[in-house]
Protein backbone atom coordinates (compact mmCIF):
# COMPACT_ATOMS: atom_id res chain seq x y z
CA VAL A 1 -25.91 -14.94 -31.49
CA GLN A 2 -23.88 -12.10 -29.98
CA HIS A 3 -20.70 -14.13 -30.40
CA GLU A 4 -21.48 -14.73 -34.06
CA ARG A 5 -22.17 -11.03 -34.61
CA LEU A 6 -18.81 -10.22 -33.04
CA HIS A 7 -17.07 -12.58 -35.47
CA VAL A 8 -18.90 -11.05 -38.46
CA LYS A 9 -17.99 -7.54 -37.35
CA HIS A 10 -14.25 -8.31 -37.00
CA ARG A 11 -13.91 -10.71 -39.94
CA GLY A 12 -10.93 -9.79 -42.12
CA HIS A 13 -9.29 -7.70 -39.38
CA GLU A 14 -6.84 -10.38 -38.24
CA ALA A 15 -3.78 -8.37 -39.33
CA MET A 16 -5.06 -5.29 -37.50
CA HIS A 17 -5.69 -7.33 -34.35
CA ALA A 18 -2.16 -8.77 -34.53
CA GLU A 19 -0.72 -5.23 -34.78
CA MET A 20 -2.74 -4.11 -31.76
CA VAL A 21 -1.53 -7.10 -29.71
CA LEU A 22 2.09 -6.38 -30.66
CA ILE A 23 1.66 -2.71 -29.70
CA LEU A 24 0.20 -3.76 -26.34
CA ILE A 25 3.07 -6.18 -25.61
CA ALA A 26 5.75 -3.68 -26.70
CA THR A 27 4.20 -0.89 -24.60
CA LEU A 28 3.99 -3.12 -21.53
CA VAL A 29 7.65 -4.17 -21.89
CA VAL A 30 8.92 -0.61 -22.43
CA ALA A 31 6.77 0.74 -19.59
CA GLN A 32 8.03 -1.96 -17.24
CA ILE A 33 11.67 -1.15 -18.06
CA VAL A 34 11.09 2.59 -17.60
CA LEU A 35 9.27 2.11 -14.28
CA VAL A 36 11.92 -0.25 -12.91
CA GLN A 37 14.73 2.15 -13.84
CA TRP A 38 12.84 5.09 -12.37
CA LYS A 39 12.20 3.19 -9.14
CA GLN A 40 15.87 2.20 -8.81
CA ARG A 41 17.32 5.64 -9.61
CA HIS A 42 14.73 7.95 -8.02
CA HIS A 43 12.87 5.86 -5.45
CA ARG A 44 11.19 8.71 -3.55
CA SER A 45 9.83 10.52 -6.62
CA TYR A 46 8.55 7.19 -8.01
CA ASN A 47 6.71 6.40 -4.78
CA LEU A 48 5.28 9.92 -4.54
CA VAL A 49 3.97 9.98 -8.12
CA THR A 50 2.57 6.45 -7.73
CA LEU A 51 0.80 7.43 -4.52
CA VAL A 52 -0.75 10.54 -6.10
CA GLN A 53 -1.98 8.45 -9.03
CA MET A 54 -3.45 5.83 -6.74
CA TRP A 55 -5.24 8.58 -4.86
CA VAL A 56 -6.59 10.38 -7.96
CA VAL A 57 -7.24 7.67 -10.62
CA PRO A 58 -9.95 5.79 -8.63
CA LEU A 59 -11.53 9.16 -7.78
CA TYR A 60 -11.91 9.92 -11.50
CA PHE A 61 -13.66 6.62 -12.20
CA THR A 62 -15.76 6.97 -9.04
CA ILE A 63 -17.17 10.34 -10.12
CA LYS A 64 -17.58 9.22 -13.74
CA LEU A 65 -19.45 6.02 -12.83
CA TYR A 66 -21.34 7.46 -9.79
CA TRP A 67 -19.87 5.10 -7.21
CA TRP A 68 -21.03 7.18 -4.24
CA ARG A 69 -20.37 4.48 -1.64
CA PHE A 70 -16.70 4.32 -2.57
CA LEU A 71 -16.53 8.12 -2.81
CA SER A 72 -17.88 8.55 0.73
CA MET A 73 -15.36 6.06 2.16
CA TRP A 74 -12.57 7.64 0.11
CA GLY A 75 -13.52 11.05 1.53
CA MET A 76 -13.50 9.85 5.16
CA PHE A 77 -10.17 8.08 4.69
CA SER A 78 -8.66 11.17 3.04
CA VAL A 79 -9.82 13.55 5.78
CA VAL A 80 -8.47 11.45 8.67
CA THR A 81 -5.24 10.58 6.85
CA SER A 82 -4.67 14.25 5.95
CA TYR A 83 -4.92 15.14 9.64
CA VAL A 84 -2.50 12.33 10.56
CA ILE A 85 0.00 13.50 7.92
CA PHE A 86 -0.39 17.09 9.18
CA ARG A 87 0.50 15.97 12.71
CA ALA A 88 3.41 13.86 11.47
CA THR A 89 5.00 16.74 9.52
CA ARG A 90 4.80 19.33 12.32
CA LYS A 91 7.98 20.68 13.91
CA PRO A 92 8.65 20.29 16.78
CA LEU A 93 7.16 16.80 16.81
CA SER A 94 4.95 15.88 19.76
CA CYS A 95 6.11 12.82 21.70
CA ARG A 96 2.63 11.30 21.24
CA THR A 97 2.51 11.75 17.45
CA PRO A 98 4.55 8.69 16.27
CA ARG A 99 2.37 6.35 18.30
CA MET A 100 -0.82 8.01 17.06
CA VAL A 101 0.36 7.77 13.44
CA TYR A 102 1.31 4.09 13.68
CA LYS A 103 -1.94 3.24 15.49
CA TRP A 104 -4.02 4.79 12.71
CA PHE A 105 -2.17 3.10 9.87
CA LEU A 106 -2.01 -0.19 11.78
CA LEU A 107 -5.81 0.00 12.13
CA ILE A 108 -6.16 0.61 8.38
CA TYR A 109 -3.74 -2.24 7.69
CA LYS A 110 -5.65 -4.73 9.86
CA LEU A 111 -9.06 -3.63 8.57
CA SER A 112 -7.94 -3.87 4.95
CA TYR A 113 -6.48 -7.31 5.65
CA ALA A 114 -9.74 -8.54 7.22
CA VAL A 115 -11.96 -7.05 4.49
CA GLY A 116 -9.72 -8.44 1.74
CA VAL A 117 -9.79 -11.94 3.25
CA LEU A 118 -13.59 -11.81 3.61
CA GLY A 119 -13.89 -10.70 -0.02
CA TYR A 120 -11.67 -13.54 -1.18
CA LEU A 121 -13.70 -16.06 0.85
CA ALA A 122 -16.93 -14.67 -0.62
CA ILE A 123 -15.55 -15.19 -4.13
CA MET A 124 -14.50 -18.76 -3.33
CA PHE A 125 -17.88 -19.31 -1.64
CA THR A 126 -19.60 -18.39 -4.92
CA MET A 127 -17.23 -20.29 -7.22
CA PHE A 128 -17.83 -23.53 -5.30
CA GLY A 129 -21.60 -23.00 -5.43
CA PHE A 130 -22.24 -22.65 -1.70
CA ASN A 131 -24.44 -19.61 -2.39
CA VAL A 132 -27.15 -22.02 -3.63
CA PHE A 133 -27.61 -23.44 -0.12
CA PHE A 134 -28.36 -19.96 1.22
CA ARG A 135 -30.52 -18.97 -1.77
CA ILE A 136 -28.18 -16.15 -2.72
CA LYS A 137 -27.82 -15.21 -6.37
CA ALA A 138 -24.36 -15.94 -7.76
CA GLU A 139 -23.96 -12.44 -9.22
CA ASP A 140 -24.88 -10.84 -5.87
CA SER A 141 -22.43 -12.86 -3.79
CA MET A 142 -19.71 -12.45 -6.42
CA ASP A 143 -20.25 -8.66 -6.53
CA VAL A 144 -19.96 -8.46 -2.74
CA GLY A 145 -16.75 -10.51 -2.79
CA VAL A 146 -15.11 -8.47 -5.56
CA ILE A 147 -16.04 -5.16 -3.93
CA MET A 148 -14.72 -6.22 -0.52
CA LEU A 149 -11.52 -7.57 -2.06
CA PHE A 150 -10.98 -4.31 -3.95
CA TYR A 151 -11.65 -2.20 -0.84
CA GLY A 152 -9.22 -4.26 1.23
CA LEU A 153 -6.41 -4.18 -1.32
CA TYR A 154 -6.85 -0.52 -2.29
CA TYR A 155 -6.91 0.92 1.22
CA GLY A 156 -4.16 -1.48 2.27
CA VAL A 157 -1.88 -0.08 -0.43
CA MET A 158 -2.81 3.53 0.33
CA GLY A 159 -2.30 3.10 4.06
CA ARG A 160 1.16 1.55 3.68
CA ASP A 161 2.33 4.24 1.26
CA PHE A 162 1.12 7.11 3.46
CA ALA A 163 2.64 5.37 6.50
CA GLU A 164 6.00 5.21 4.74
CA ILE A 165 5.93 8.96 4.05
CA CYS A 166 4.99 9.73 7.66
CA SER A 167 7.73 7.40 8.95
CA ASP A 168 10.38 9.26 6.94
CA TYR A 169 9.19 12.67 8.12
CA MET A 170 8.90 11.74 11.79
CA ALA A 171 12.20 9.87 11.98
CA SER A 172 14.05 12.69 10.20
CA THR A 173 12.48 15.24 12.53
CA ILE A 174 13.45 13.25 15.63
CA GLY A 175 16.98 13.12 14.21
CA TYR A 176 18.04 9.52 14.80
CA TYR A 177 17.33 8.54 11.19
CA ASN A 178 18.38 10.03 7.88
CA GLN A 179 17.44 8.22 4.69
CA GLY A 180 20.18 9.84 2.64
CA GLY A 181 23.07 9.95 5.10
CA MET A 182 24.22 10.09 8.72
CA PRO A 183 21.77 10.81 11.56
CA THR A 184 21.87 14.31 13.05
CA ARG A 185 21.73 12.99 16.65
CA SER A 186 23.65 10.28 18.48
CA LEU A 187 21.51 7.47 19.88
CA THR A 188 21.96 6.43 23.50
CA ASN A 189 21.05 3.02 24.90
CA ASP A 190 17.94 4.23 26.74
CA ILE A 191 16.24 6.00 23.79
CA CYS A 192 13.94 4.52 21.13
CA ALA A 193 15.02 5.91 17.75
CA VAL A 194 11.50 5.58 16.29
CA CYS A 195 9.58 7.74 18.80
CA GLY A 196 12.49 9.52 20.52
CA GLN A 197 11.26 8.57 24.01
CA LYS A 198 12.95 6.63 26.81
CA ILE A 199 12.75 2.87 26.49
CA LEU A 200 12.59 2.24 30.23
CA VAL A 201 10.95 4.85 32.47
CA ASP A 202 10.49 5.20 36.22
CA VAL A 203 7.01 5.09 37.74
CA GLU A 204 6.87 8.87 38.29
CA GLU A 205 8.27 9.70 34.82
CA GLU A 206 6.19 10.39 31.71
CA GLY A 207 6.69 7.78 29.00
CA PHE A 208 5.56 4.48 27.52
CA ILE A 209 5.72 1.25 29.52
CA GLU A 210 5.77 -1.72 27.19
CA ASP A 211 7.88 -4.61 25.90
CA THR A 212 11.11 -3.91 24.04
CA TYR A 213 12.71 -5.58 21.04
CA GLN A 214 16.40 -5.80 20.16
CA LEU A 215 17.47 -6.06 16.53
CA SER A 216 20.43 -8.11 15.35
CA CYS A 217 22.50 -4.91 15.19
CA GLY A 218 22.07 -4.49 18.98
CA HIS A 219 19.78 -1.43 19.01
CA ILE A 220 16.70 -1.65 21.25
CA PHE A 221 13.25 -0.16 20.56
CA HIS A 222 9.72 -0.22 21.90
CA GLU A 223 8.13 -3.33 20.39
CA PHE A 224 5.13 -1.37 19.07
CA CYS A 225 7.41 1.25 17.51
CA ILE A 226 9.68 -1.17 15.67
CA ARG A 227 6.72 -3.22 14.43
CA GLY A 228 5.06 -0.07 13.16
CA TRP A 229 8.30 1.01 11.51
CA CYS A 230 8.90 -2.33 9.74
CA ILE A 231 5.45 -3.74 9.00
CA VAL A 232 3.28 -0.64 8.58
CA GLY A 233 5.93 1.85 7.46
CA LYS A 234 7.56 -0.61 5.00
CA LYS A 235 11.04 -0.09 6.46
CA GLN A 236 13.27 -3.16 6.52
CA THR A 237 16.32 -1.47 8.05
CA CYS A 238 17.27 -0.38 11.55
CA PRO A 239 15.92 3.15 12.24
CA TYR A 240 19.39 4.23 13.37
CA CYS A 241 22.19 2.31 11.63
CA ASN A 242 20.27 1.18 8.49
CA GLU A 243 21.28 -2.47 8.96
CA LYS A 244 18.80 -4.83 7.28
CA VAL A 245 16.08 -6.24 9.55
CA ASP A 246 15.02 -9.88 9.34
CA LEU A 247 11.23 -9.63 9.56
CA LYS A 248 10.84 -13.40 10.02
CA ARG A 249 12.73 -13.25 13.32
CA MET A 250 10.43 -10.49 14.50
CA MET A 251 7.32 -12.63 14.01
CA ASN A 252 6.94 -14.91 17.03
CA ASN A 253 3.39 -15.90 16.13
CA PRO A 254 3.15 -17.92 12.86
CA TRP A 255 -0.13 -16.15 12.03
CA GLU A 256 1.73 -12.83 11.92
CA LYS A 257 3.82 -14.03 8.99
CA THR A 258 0.75 -13.73 6.78
CA HIS A 259 0.86 -9.97 7.39
CA VAL A 260 4.29 -9.83 5.74
CA LEU A 261 3.01 -11.80 2.74
CA TYR A 262 -0.02 -9.50 2.57
CA GLY A 263 2.27 -6.47 2.60
CA GLN A 264 4.28 -7.91 -0.30
CA LEU A 265 1.04 -8.50 -2.22
CA LEU A 266 0.04 -4.86 -1.66
CA ASP A 267 3.39 -3.63 -2.94
CA TRP A 268 2.90 -5.68 -6.11
CA LEU A 269 -0.70 -4.52 -6.51
CA ARG A 270 0.34 -0.87 -6.45
CA TYR A 271 1.72 -1.25 -9.97
CA LEU A 272 -1.60 -2.55 -11.33
CA VAL A 273 -3.76 0.15 -9.74
CA ALA A 274 -1.51 3.14 -10.39
CA TRP A 275 0.20 2.47 -13.72
CA GLN A 276 -1.95 -0.04 -15.61
CA PRO A 277 -4.71 2.47 -16.53
CA ILE A 278 -2.08 4.89 -17.85
CA ILE A 279 -0.33 2.18 -19.88
CA ILE A 280 -3.65 1.05 -21.37
CA GLY A 281 -4.46 4.69 -22.18
CA ILE A 282 -1.12 5.03 -24.00
CA VAL A 283 -1.89 1.87 -25.97
CA HIS A 284 -5.29 3.25 -27.00
CA GLY A 285 -3.65 6.51 -28.03
CA ILE A 286 -1.11 4.70 -30.23
CA ASN A 287 -3.85 2.58 -31.82
CA PHE A 288 -5.96 5.66 -32.53
CA THR A 289 -2.99 7.52 -34.02
CA LEU A 290 -2.23 4.59 -36.34
CA GLY A 291 -5.89 4.18 -37.28
CA LEU A 292 -6.19 0.76 -35.65
CA GLU A 293 -9.81 0.75 -34.50
């Protein structure tokens, strides 16, 4: 009955609907071209504006729709991340700060990965009808799966973007990395360019004792530091010479390769979360201006 009423309401509006579809397609194409050009020409400003939108747009819908559970988690994440960013942007930089920053964002990355996978499994669990065996309503199990999947993907994207900003600040402060040019300090063989500490230390010296990793360019780093730099901080170049890093060689465990694929998925998802609501809003504005209702 509702479907029939919908047809009666929109009968005779086929031309108007065709115009609205054409406007939607044209807007999506133009927006995609503009965003790609912006990202290529002004990468940092594009990432910053996208991050701000991803931080603010869900907050608007949360307050409007009274999603207090998401708002409370968003608030806790924002408070802790703000403190981490504050520590990462201080000068002089504490020798413990890079490790603290990467530990926090690595925790967010792993939690978001686990929650996202559980959400996906819950959705598949419902679609195949397994919820019937446990006497769980389909809408309840599907809601849980969708919410968990959204939480995992959203905080995964946010964590990686904030980690990238912190990585740039910390590496520039330490001086062995400069995104736009030559480093301000010369790297010696016994120093990790990510944290600025000695790679190998004596027993009585203060420092980090852990495994090391050598990139194809010959530079050596603490294994935790270089993994944080590449996987969490989204950097695919050497922190000193900017030579491209082969992430597949860095993954000894085949299960770790899924983290790289998950990171690529998050980078793609950023576009949908940050820019899609704005593009749809522009489309609605054009339709309203042309009287296409």
